[in-house]
Amino acid sequence: SGTGCARMPSDSAMALNLNKLKLDSVDVAGKRVFIRVDFNVPQDKADPTIITNTARIEGALPSIKYCLEKGAKSVVLASHLGRPDG
């Protein structure tokens, strides 16, 4: 209203934004699916190209396979490795 300040969303709108959908409630057929995954896996200190525990990667496989089996056009995975400096 002329002040340049953004209005805060109502409590009900904020609650709505926090709701998460379960993967099986989304129609992924023919769509590109973007999944944020936690692949911040432990690596061997002497040889960082060696992953010492693959549990996080293995844990993401059912979701990735589900999307592909349900006809997703593609599945894009986003992750990071390590902590940012600072």
N, C-alpha and C. Protein backbone atom coordinates (compact mmCIF):
# COMPACT_ATOMS: atom_id res chain seq x y z
N SER A 1 0.83 -1.19 0.00
CA SER A 1 0.00 0.00 0.00
C SER A 1 0.87 1.24 0.00
N GLY A 2 1.79 1.34 -0.95
CA GLY A 2 2.58 2.53 -1.09
C GLY A 2 3.82 2.58 -0.20
N THR A 3 3.96 1.71 0.79
CA THR A 3 5.10 1.78 1.70
C THR A 3 6.29 1.00 1.19
N GLY A 4 6.10 0.15 0.20
CA GLY A 4 7.19 -0.66 -0.31
C GLY A 4 7.46 -1.90 0.54
N CYS A 5 6.69 -2.11 1.58
CA CYS A 5 6.87 -3.27 2.45
C CYS A 5 5.98 -4.41 1.97
N ALA A 6 6.52 -5.60 2.00
CA ALA A 6 5.73 -6.78 1.61
C ALA A 6 4.78 -7.14 2.73
N ARG A 7 3.62 -7.59 2.36
CA ARG A 7 2.65 -8.05 3.36
C ARG A 7 3.02 -9.43 3.83
N MET A 8 2.89 -9.67 5.10
CA MET A 8 3.13 -11.00 5.65
C MET A 8 1.94 -11.89 5.31
N PRO A 9 2.17 -13.11 4.88
CA PRO A 9 1.05 -14.01 4.60
C PRO A 9 0.33 -14.39 5.89
N SER A 10 -0.94 -14.72 5.75
CA SER A 10 -1.73 -15.11 6.91
C SER A 10 -1.22 -16.44 7.45
N ASP A 11 -1.61 -16.77 8.69
CA ASP A 11 -1.19 -18.05 9.29
C ASP A 11 -1.63 -19.23 8.44
N SER A 12 -2.85 -19.15 7.90
CA SER A 12 -3.34 -20.28 7.09
C SER A 12 -2.54 -20.41 5.79
N ALA A 13 -2.12 -19.29 5.20
CA ALA A 13 -1.31 -19.35 3.98
C ALA A 13 0.07 -19.90 4.29
N MET A 14 0.63 -19.53 5.44
CA MET A 14 1.95 -20.04 5.81
C MET A 14 1.87 -21.54 6.08
N ALA A 15 0.82 -21.98 6.74
CA ALA A 15 0.67 -23.41 7.01
C ALA A 15 0.54 -24.18 5.71
N LEU A 16 -0.17 -23.62 4.75
CA LEU A 16 -0.35 -24.27 3.46
C LEU A 16 1.00 -24.47 2.77
N ASN A 17 1.90 -23.49 2.86
CA ASN A 17 3.20 -23.58 2.22
C ASN A 17 4.09 -24.63 2.86
N LEU A 18 3.83 -25.01 4.09
CA LEU A 18 4.66 -25.98 4.78
C LEU A 18 4.23 -27.41 4.51
N ASN A 19 3.07 -27.58 3.90
CA ASN A 19 2.60 -28.93 3.60
C ASN A 19 3.47 -29.57 2.53
N LYS A 20 3.76 -30.83 2.71
CA LYS A 20 4.55 -31.57 1.73
C LYS A 20 3.67 -32.62 1.08
N LEU A 21 3.90 -32.86 -0.20
CA LEU A 21 3.19 -33.91 -0.91
C LEU A 21 4.01 -35.19 -0.86
N LYS A 22 3.34 -36.30 -0.75
CA LYS A 22 4.04 -37.58 -0.86
C LYS A 22 4.20 -37.89 -2.34
N LEU A 23 5.30 -38.53 -2.65
CA LEU A 23 5.62 -38.78 -4.05
C LEU A 23 4.52 -39.56 -4.76
N ASP A 24 3.89 -40.51 -4.07
CA ASP A 24 2.86 -41.30 -4.73
C ASP A 24 1.55 -40.54 -4.94
N SER A 25 1.47 -39.29 -4.46
CA SER A 25 0.27 -38.49 -4.70
C SER A 25 0.47 -37.50 -5.86
N VAL A 26 1.62 -37.58 -6.52
CA VAL A 26 1.94 -36.68 -7.63
C VAL A 26 2.00 -37.48 -8.92
N ASP A 27 1.34 -36.98 -9.96
CA ASP A 27 1.39 -37.63 -11.27
C ASP A 27 2.66 -37.18 -11.98
N VAL A 28 3.64 -38.06 -12.09
CA VAL A 28 4.92 -37.70 -12.70
C VAL A 28 5.02 -38.13 -14.16
N ALA A 29 4.03 -38.82 -14.66
CA ALA A 29 4.08 -39.35 -16.03
C ALA A 29 4.31 -38.22 -17.04
N GLY A 30 5.35 -38.39 -17.86
CA GLY A 30 5.64 -37.43 -18.91
C GLY A 30 6.26 -36.13 -18.43
N LYS A 31 6.59 -36.04 -17.15
CA LYS A 31 7.13 -34.79 -16.60
C LYS A 31 8.60 -34.95 -16.22
N ARG A 32 9.28 -33.82 -16.16
CA ARG A 32 10.64 -33.79 -15.61
C ARG A 32 10.49 -33.64 -14.11
N VAL A 33 11.15 -34.49 -13.36
CA VAL A 33 11.03 -34.47 -11.91
C VAL A 33 12.36 -33.99 -11.31
N PHE A 34 12.28 -32.97 -10.47
CA PHE A 34 13.46 -32.41 -9.80
C PHE A 34 13.43 -32.86 -8.35
N ILE A 35 14.46 -33.56 -7.91
CA ILE A 35 14.52 -34.07 -6.54
C ILE A 35 15.77 -33.53 -5.87
N ARG A 36 15.58 -32.90 -4.71
CA ARG A 36 16.71 -32.44 -3.90
C ARG A 36 17.08 -33.62 -3.01
N VAL A 37 18.29 -34.11 -3.15
CA VAL A 37 18.74 -35.27 -2.39
C VAL A 37 19.92 -34.90 -1.50
N ASP A 38 20.10 -35.67 -0.44
CA ASP A 38 21.23 -35.46 0.46
C ASP A 38 22.30 -36.49 0.15
N PHE A 39 23.18 -36.15 -0.78
CA PHE A 39 24.29 -37.03 -1.15
C PHE A 39 25.59 -36.56 -0.51
N ASN A 40 25.49 -35.87 0.61
CA ASN A 40 26.68 -35.42 1.32
C ASN A 40 27.23 -36.64 2.07
N VAL A 41 27.91 -37.51 1.33
CA VAL A 41 28.35 -38.81 1.84
C VAL A 41 29.77 -38.74 2.41
N PRO A 42 30.07 -39.60 3.37
CA PRO A 42 31.44 -39.62 3.90
C PRO A 42 32.42 -40.20 2.87
N GLN A 43 33.58 -39.56 2.83
CA GLN A 43 34.62 -39.98 1.89
C GLN A 43 35.87 -40.39 2.64
N ASP A 44 36.65 -41.25 2.00
CA ASP A 44 37.92 -41.68 2.56
C ASP A 44 38.85 -40.47 2.66
N LYS A 45 39.47 -40.30 3.83
CA LYS A 45 40.35 -39.14 4.04
C LYS A 45 41.59 -39.19 3.14
N ALA A 46 42.13 -40.37 2.93
CA ALA A 46 43.32 -40.50 2.10
C ALA A 46 42.99 -40.38 0.61
N ASP A 47 41.82 -40.89 0.21
CA ASP A 47 41.42 -40.85 -1.20
C ASP A 47 39.95 -40.43 -1.27
N PRO A 48 39.69 -39.11 -1.39
CA PRO A 48 38.31 -38.62 -1.38
C PRO A 48 37.44 -39.09 -2.54
N THR A 49 38.03 -39.79 -3.51
CA THR A 49 37.21 -40.35 -4.58
C THR A 49 36.49 -41.62 -4.13
N ILE A 50 36.84 -42.11 -2.94
CA ILE A 50 36.22 -43.32 -2.40
C ILE A 50 35.13 -42.93 -1.40
N ILE A 51 33.92 -43.36 -1.66
CA ILE A 51 32.79 -43.14 -0.74
C ILE A 51 32.80 -44.27 0.28
N THR A 52 32.84 -43.91 1.57
CA THR A 52 32.96 -44.94 2.61
C THR A 52 31.62 -45.45 3.12
N ASN A 53 30.53 -44.75 2.83
CA ASN A 53 29.20 -45.20 3.25
C ASN A 53 28.19 -44.73 2.21
N THR A 54 27.56 -45.68 1.52
CA THR A 54 26.65 -45.34 0.41
C THR A 54 25.18 -45.31 0.83
N ALA A 55 24.92 -45.32 2.13
CA ALA A 55 23.53 -45.42 2.61
C ALA A 55 22.64 -44.29 2.08
N ARG A 56 23.13 -43.07 2.01
CA ARG A 56 22.29 -41.96 1.53
C ARG A 56 21.95 -42.10 0.06
N ILE A 57 22.90 -42.58 -0.72
CA ILE A 57 22.65 -42.79 -2.14
C ILE A 57 21.64 -43.93 -2.31
N GLU A 58 21.86 -45.02 -1.59
CA GLU A 58 20.95 -46.16 -1.67
C GLU A 58 19.55 -45.77 -1.18
N GLY A 59 19.48 -44.88 -0.20
CA GLY A 59 18.19 -44.44 0.33
C GLY A 59 17.37 -43.64 -0.67
N ALA A 60 18.03 -42.98 -1.62
CA ALA A 60 17.33 -42.19 -2.63
C ALA A 60 16.84 -43.04 -3.80
N LEU A 61 17.41 -44.22 -3.98
CA LEU A 61 17.07 -45.05 -5.14
C LEU A 61 15.59 -45.40 -5.27
N PRO A 62 14.88 -45.75 -4.20
CA PRO A 62 13.46 -46.06 -4.37
C PRO A 62 12.65 -44.90 -4.97
N SER A 63 12.93 -43.68 -4.56
CA SER A 63 12.21 -42.52 -5.10
C SER A 63 12.55 -42.31 -6.57
N ILE A 64 13.82 -42.45 -6.90
CA ILE A 64 14.25 -42.27 -8.29
C ILE A 64 13.61 -43.34 -9.17
N LYS A 65 13.68 -44.59 -8.73
CA LYS A 65 13.09 -45.70 -9.49
C LYS A 65 11.59 -45.54 -9.63
N TYR A 66 10.92 -45.09 -8.56
CA TYR A 66 9.47 -44.90 -8.59
C TYR A 66 9.10 -43.92 -9.70
N CYS A 67 9.81 -42.79 -9.76
CA CYS A 67 9.51 -41.79 -10.78
C CYS A 67 9.69 -42.34 -12.18
N LEU A 68 10.77 -43.08 -12.39
CA LEU A 68 11.03 -43.64 -13.70
C LEU A 68 9.99 -44.70 -14.06
N GLU A 69 9.62 -45.53 -13.10
CA GLU A 69 8.60 -46.57 -13.35
C GLU A 69 7.23 -45.97 -13.64
N LYS A 70 6.95 -44.80 -13.08
CA LYS A 70 5.67 -44.14 -13.30
C LYS A 70 5.68 -43.26 -14.54
N GLY A 71 6.75 -43.34 -15.33
CA GLY A 71 6.78 -42.68 -16.64
C GLY A 71 7.32 -41.27 -16.66
N ALA A 72 8.11 -40.89 -15.66
CA ALA A 72 8.70 -39.56 -15.70
C ALA A 72 9.58 -39.42 -16.94
N LYS A 73 9.51 -38.27 -17.58
CA LYS A 73 10.34 -38.01 -18.76
C LYS A 73 11.82 -38.04 -18.37
N SER A 74 12.14 -37.45 -17.24
CA SER A 74 13.51 -37.48 -16.72
C SER A 74 13.46 -37.19 -15.22
N VAL A 75 14.54 -37.55 -14.54
CA VAL A 75 14.68 -37.26 -13.11
C VAL A 75 16.00 -36.51 -12.93
N VAL A 76 15.89 -35.30 -12.40
CA VAL A 76 17.07 -34.46 -12.16
C VAL A 76 17.32 -34.45 -10.66
N LEU A 77 18.55 -34.78 -10.28
CA LEU A 77 18.92 -34.82 -8.86
C LEU A 77 19.80 -33.62 -8.54
N ALA A 78 19.53 -32.98 -7.41
CA ALA A 78 20.34 -31.84 -6.96
C ALA A 78 20.86 -32.14 -5.57
N SER A 79 22.15 -31.95 -5.40
CA SER A 79 22.78 -32.17 -4.10
C SER A 79 24.00 -31.27 -4.00
N HIS A 80 24.73 -31.42 -2.94
CA HIS A 80 26.01 -30.76 -2.78
C HIS A 80 26.93 -31.75 -2.07
N LEU A 81 28.19 -31.46 -2.08
CA LEU A 81 29.14 -32.35 -1.42
C LEU A 81 30.03 -31.51 -0.53
N GLY A 82 30.05 -31.84 0.72
CA GLY A 82 30.88 -31.11 1.68
C GLY A 82 30.19 -29.89 2.24
N ARG A 83 30.89 -29.20 3.10
CA ARG A 83 30.37 -27.98 3.72
C ARG A 83 31.01 -26.77 3.04
N PRO A 84 30.27 -25.68 2.95
CA PRO A 84 30.87 -24.47 2.37
C PRO A 84 31.94 -23.92 3.30
N ASP A 85 32.96 -23.32 2.73
CA ASP A 85 34.00 -22.69 3.55
C ASP A 85 33.40 -21.51 4.29
N GLY A 86 33.89 -21.33 5.53
CA GLY A 86 33.41 -20.16 6.25
C GLY A 86 33.03 -20.40 7.60
